[in-house]
Amino acid sequence: MCSCPTAPRRFRNDESTQRAVRVRAQLGPLPDGRRWLRDLAGDRIEVRSAGSEPGESINPVAVAAMAEVGVDISAATPARLEPAAVRTSDVVITMGCGDACPIFPGKRYEDWQLTDPAGQPIEVVRAVRDEIRARVEGLIASLDRTI
């Protein structure tokens, strides 16, 4: 299963230099990564989200886990991953979607191996939430260094 957020926003080195960066984050059934990336990177990264086999709704346990840290994802809706969104992204982050996610040359791909939170108790979902935040922080730092 593949559920991805994508993103085009702008990184700024200084006021005279701008580079568009598109980021696709593969987040499985959790939109945590999308929100963390948007909230932590501000307007430097635009994030879009989609999945190869999106569910009908967001995991209510994930909604509760994110609410515990002040992040409301209750209005998030799963969307289908379109190859064009990957093609226009610079960075693609997947969570075990394997062959379901399109591969295009010249893109940076990362596969984040995380526990699938579907059907898990809140304690497990909290750990996944925290791991996603840590990985998003690392992603932002690595993107900042490449500009």
C-alpha atoms as a PDB file:
ATOM      1  CA  MET A   1       0.000   0.000   0.000  1.00  0.00           C
ATOM      2  CA  CYS A   2       1.237   3.458  -0.871  1.00  0.00           C
ATOM      3  CA  SER A   3      -0.102   6.755   0.408  1.00  0.00           C
ATOM      4  CA  CYS A   4       1.988   9.808  -0.416  1.00  0.00           C
ATOM      5  CA  PRO A   5       2.199  13.538   0.304  1.00  0.00           C
ATOM      6  CA  THR A   6       3.922  15.578  -2.397  1.00  0.00           C
ATOM      7  CA  ALA A   7       5.267  19.051  -2.169  1.00  0.00           C
ATOM      8  CA  PRO A   8       6.419  22.022  -4.204  1.00  0.00           C
ATOM      9  CA  ARG A   9       7.507  24.991  -2.086  1.00  0.00           C
ATOM     10  CA  ARG A  10      10.449  27.293  -2.257  1.00  0.00           C
ATOM     11  CA  PHE A  11      13.687  27.105  -0.343  1.00  0.00           C
ATOM     12  CA  ARG A  12      15.376  30.459   0.174  1.00  0.00           C
ATOM     13  CA  ASN A  13      19.144  30.804   0.545  1.00  0.00           C
ATOM     14  CA  ASP A  14      18.827  34.557   0.623  1.00  0.00           C
ATOM     15  CA  GLU A  15      16.397  37.106  -0.751  1.00  0.00           C
ATOM     16  CA  SER A  16      17.916  37.063  -4.237  1.00  0.00           C
ATOM     17  CA  THR A  17      18.065  33.280  -4.755  1.00  0.00           C
ATOM     18  CA  GLN A  18      15.092  30.937  -4.902  1.00  0.00           C
ATOM     19  CA  ARG A  19      14.930  27.323  -5.959  1.00  0.00           C
ATOM     20  CA  ALA A  20      11.733  25.372  -6.326  1.00  0.00           C
ATOM     21  CA  VAL A  21      11.804  22.033  -4.570  1.00  0.00           C
ATOM     22  CA  ARG A  22       9.082  19.456  -4.893  1.00  0.00           C
ATOM     23  CA  VAL A  23       8.833  16.828  -2.208  1.00  0.00           C
ATOM     24  CA  ARG A  24       6.658  13.720  -2.254  1.00  0.00           C
ATOM     25  CA  ALA A  25       6.358  12.008   1.073  1.00  0.00           C
ATOM     26  CA  GLN A  26       5.018   8.464   1.108  1.00  0.00           C
ATOM     27  CA  LEU A  27       3.207   8.229   4.420  1.00  0.00           C
ATOM     28  CA  GLY A  28       1.071   5.131   4.300  1.00  0.00           C
ATOM     29  CA  PRO A  29      -2.225   5.656   6.076  1.00  0.00           C
ATOM     30  CA  LEU A  30      -0.858   8.520   8.194  1.00  0.00           C
ATOM     31  CA  PRO A  31      -0.853  12.125   6.969  1.00  0.00           C
ATOM     32  CA  ASP A  32       1.510  12.971   9.861  1.00  0.00           C
ATOM     33  CA  GLY A  33       4.507  13.438   7.580  1.00  0.00           C
ATOM     34  CA  ARG A  34       2.673  15.859   5.365  1.00  0.00           C
ATOM     35  CA  ARG A  35       1.636  18.018   8.286  1.00  0.00           C
ATOM     36  CA  TRP A  36       5.039  17.783   9.993  1.00  0.00           C
ATOM     37  CA  LEU A  37       6.784  18.762   6.776  1.00  0.00           C
ATOM     38  CA  ARG A  38       4.435  21.663   6.138  1.00  0.00           C
ATOM     39  CA  ASP A  39       4.479  22.868   9.731  1.00  0.00           C
ATOM     40  CA  LEU A  40       8.241  22.500  10.298  1.00  0.00           C
ATOM     41  CA  ALA A  41       9.486  23.740   6.913  1.00  0.00           C
ATOM     42  CA  GLY A  42       7.004  26.591   6.603  1.00  0.00           C
ATOM     43  CA  ASP A  43       6.773  28.007   3.099  1.00  0.00           C
ATOM     44  CA  ARG A  44      10.083  26.470   1.989  1.00  0.00           C
ATOM     45  CA  ILE A  45       8.479  23.206   0.864  1.00  0.00           C
ATOM     46  CA  GLU A  46       5.121  22.601  -0.751  1.00  0.00           C
ATOM     47  CA  VAL A  47       3.698  19.253   0.239  1.00  0.00           C
ATOM     48  CA  ARG A  48       1.151  17.203  -1.696  1.00  0.00           C
ATOM     49  CA  SER A  49      -0.160  13.854  -0.548  1.00  0.00           C
ATOM     50  CA  ALA A  50      -1.444  10.811  -2.426  1.00  0.00           C
ATOM     51  CA  GLY A  51      -1.408   7.027  -2.292  1.00  0.00           C
ATOM     52  CA  SER A  52      -1.389   4.055  -4.653  1.00  0.00           C
ATOM     53  CA  GLU A  53      -4.181   2.408  -2.674  1.00  0.00           C
ATOM     54  CA  PRO A  54      -5.667   5.180  -0.525  1.00  0.00           C
ATOM     55  CA  GLY A  55      -8.198   4.267   2.117  1.00  0.00           C
ATOM     56  CA  GLU A  56     -11.581   5.880   2.406  1.00  0.00           C
ATOM     57  CA  SER A  57     -10.679   7.857   5.511  1.00  0.00           C
ATOM     58  CA  ILE A  58      -7.797   8.723   7.827  1.00  0.00           C
ATOM     59  CA  ASN A  59      -7.047   6.331  10.687  1.00  0.00           C
ATOM     60  CA  PRO A  60      -8.931   7.772  13.702  1.00  0.00           C
ATOM     61  CA  VAL A  61      -6.142   6.633  16.041  1.00  0.00           C
ATOM     62  CA  ALA A  62      -3.670   8.674  13.958  1.00  0.00           C
ATOM     63  CA  VAL A  63      -6.008  11.669  14.199  1.00  0.00           C
ATOM     64  CA  ALA A  64      -6.047  11.268  18.007  1.00  0.00           C
ATOM     65  CA  ALA A  65      -2.250  10.821  18.209  1.00  0.00           C
ATOM     66  CA  MET A  66      -1.625  13.975  16.188  1.00  0.00           C
ATOM     67  CA  ALA A  67      -4.203  15.923  18.216  1.00  0.00           C
ATOM     68  CA  GLU A  68      -2.159  15.076  21.336  1.00  0.00           C
ATOM     69  CA  VAL A  69       0.680  17.206  19.934  1.00  0.00           C
ATOM     70  CA  GLY A  70      -1.586  20.006  18.732  1.00  0.00           C
ATOM     71  CA  VAL A  71      -1.833  18.974  15.072  1.00  0.00           C
ATOM     72  CA  ASP A  72      -5.307  18.608  13.558  1.00  0.00           C
ATOM     73  CA  ILE A  73      -5.411  16.140  10.659  1.00  0.00           C
ATOM     74  CA  SER A  74      -9.114  15.357  11.013  1.00  0.00           C
ATOM     75  CA  ALA A  75      -9.992  17.077   7.722  1.00  0.00           C
ATOM     76  CA  ALA A  76      -7.326  15.199   5.730  1.00  0.00           C
ATOM     77  CA  THR A  77      -8.638  12.976   2.956  1.00  0.00           C
ATOM     78  CA  PRO A  78      -6.788  10.173   1.176  1.00  0.00           C
ATOM     79  CA  ALA A  79      -6.028  10.783  -2.523  1.00  0.00           C
ATOM     80  CA  ARG A  80      -4.798   8.550  -5.359  1.00  0.00           C
ATOM     81  CA  LEU A  81      -1.152   8.826  -6.409  1.00  0.00           C
ATOM     82  CA  GLU A  82      -0.761  10.031  -9.993  1.00  0.00           C
ATOM     83  CA  PRO A  83       2.516   9.487 -11.877  1.00  0.00           C
ATOM     84  CA  ALA A  84       2.530  13.149 -12.967  1.00  0.00           C
ATOM     85  CA  ALA A  85       2.867  14.224  -9.329  1.00  0.00           C
ATOM     86  CA  VAL A  86       5.967  12.049  -8.930  1.00  0.00           C
ATOM     87  CA  ARG A  87       7.376  13.253 -12.249  1.00  0.00           C
ATOM     88  CA  THR A  88       7.200  16.892 -11.066  1.00  0.00           C
ATOM     89  CA  SER A  89       8.734  16.140  -7.658  1.00  0.00           C
ATOM     90  CA  ASP A  90      12.406  16.373  -6.770  1.00  0.00           C
ATOM     91  CA  VAL A  91      12.218  14.156  -3.691  1.00  0.00           C
ATOM     92  CA  VAL A  92       9.986  11.113  -3.305  1.00  0.00           C
ATOM     93  CA  ILE A  93       9.557   9.495   0.081  1.00  0.00           C
ATOM     94  CA  THR A  94       7.843   6.141   0.198  1.00  0.00           C
ATOM     95  CA  MET A  95       6.747   3.798   2.933  1.00  0.00           C
ATOM     96  CA  GLY A  96       7.021   0.346   1.490  1.00  0.00           C
ATOM     97  CA  CYS A  97       4.966   0.856  -1.642  1.00  0.00           C
ATOM     98  CA  GLY A  98       7.408  -1.156  -3.757  1.00  0.00           C
ATOM     99  CA  ASP A  99       6.472  -1.392  -7.428  1.00  0.00           C
ATOM    100  CA  ALA A 100       3.238   0.553  -6.889  1.00  0.00           C
ATOM    101  CA  CYS A 101       5.094   3.877  -6.831  1.00  0.00           C
ATOM    102  CA  PRO A 102       6.364   5.145 -10.182  1.00  0.00           C
ATOM    103  CA  ILE A 103      10.117   5.577 -10.627  1.00  0.00           C
ATOM    104  CA  PHE A 104      11.516   8.423 -12.735  1.00  0.00           C
ATOM    105  CA  PRO A 105      15.181   9.188 -13.385  1.00  0.00           C
ATOM    106  CA  GLY A 106      16.744  12.158 -11.634  1.00  0.00           C
ATOM    107  CA  LYS A 107      14.537  12.008  -8.543  1.00  0.00           C
ATOM    108  CA  ARG A 108      15.760  11.479  -5.006  1.00  0.00           C
ATOM    109  CA  TYR A 109      13.969   8.464  -3.528  1.00  0.00           C
ATOM    110  CA  GLU A 110      13.899   7.425   0.123  1.00  0.00           C
ATOM    111  CA  ASP A 111      11.970   4.464   1.492  1.00  0.00           C
ATOM    112  CA  TRP A 112      11.088   5.009   5.135  1.00  0.00           C
ATOM    113  CA  GLN A 113      10.562   1.612   6.800  1.00  0.00           C
ATOM    114  CA  LEU A 114       7.978   2.301   9.492  1.00  0.00           C
ATOM    115  CA  THR A 115       5.485   0.183  11.399  1.00  0.00           C
ATOM    116  CA  ASP A 116       2.111   0.246   9.664  1.00  0.00           C
ATOM    117  CA  PRO A 117      -0.163   2.015  12.160  1.00  0.00           C
ATOM    118  CA  ALA A 118      -3.347   0.468  10.737  1.00  0.00           C
ATOM    119  CA  GLY A 119      -5.168  -1.388  13.487  1.00  0.00           C
ATOM    120  CA  GLN A 120      -2.472  -0.578  16.049  1.00  0.00           C
ATOM    121  CA  PRO A 121      -3.113   0.778  19.557  1.00  0.00           C
ATOM    122  CA  ILE A 122      -2.443   4.447  20.294  1.00  0.00           C
ATOM    123  CA  GLU A 123       0.935   3.658  21.909  1.00  0.00           C
ATOM    124  CA  VAL A 124       2.248   2.201  18.638  1.00  0.00           C
ATOM    125  CA  VAL A 125       0.754   5.044  16.581  1.00  0.00           C
ATOM    126  CA  ARG A 126       2.435   7.588  18.889  1.00  0.00           C
ATOM    127  CA  ALA A 127       5.803   5.930  18.274  1.00  0.00           C
ATOM    128  CA  VAL A 128       5.205   6.024  14.498  1.00  0.00           C
ATOM    129  CA  ARG A 129       4.138   9.684  14.751  1.00  0.00           C
ATOM    130  CA  ASP A 130       7.325  10.563  16.608  1.00  0.00           C
ATOM    131  CA  GLU A 131       9.512   8.607  14.175  1.00  0.00           C
ATOM    132  CA  ILE A 132       7.901  10.379  11.220  1.00  0.00           C
ATOM    133  CA  ARG A 133       8.552  13.761  12.828  1.00  0.00           C
ATOM    134  CA  ALA A 134      12.222  12.867  13.423  1.00  0.00           C
ATOM    135  CA  ARG A 135      12.617  11.729   9.815  1.00  0.00           C
ATOM    136  CA  VAL A 136      10.901  14.857   8.503  1.00  0.00           C
ATOM    137  CA  GLU A 137      13.284  17.009  10.548  1.00  0.00           C
ATOM    138  CA  GLY A 138      16.215  15.100   9.019  1.00  0.00           C
ATOM    139  CA  LEU A 139      14.763  15.533   5.528  1.00  0.00           C
ATOM    140  CA  ILE A 140      14.393  19.279   6.004  1.00  0.00           C
ATOM    141  CA  ALA A 141      17.992  19.534   7.258  1.00  0.00           C
ATOM    142  CA  SER A 142      19.284  17.557   4.263  1.00  0.00           C
ATOM    143  CA  LEU A 143      17.328  19.723   1.814  1.00  0.00           C
ATOM    144  CA  ASP A 144      18.602  22.888   3.484  1.00  0.00           C
ATOM    145  CA  ARG A 145      22.190  21.649   2.969  1.00  0.00           C
ATOM    146  CA  THR A 146      21.689  20.926  -0.746  1.00  0.00           C
ATOM    147  CA  ILE A 147      20.617  24.424  -1.693  1.00  0.00           C
END
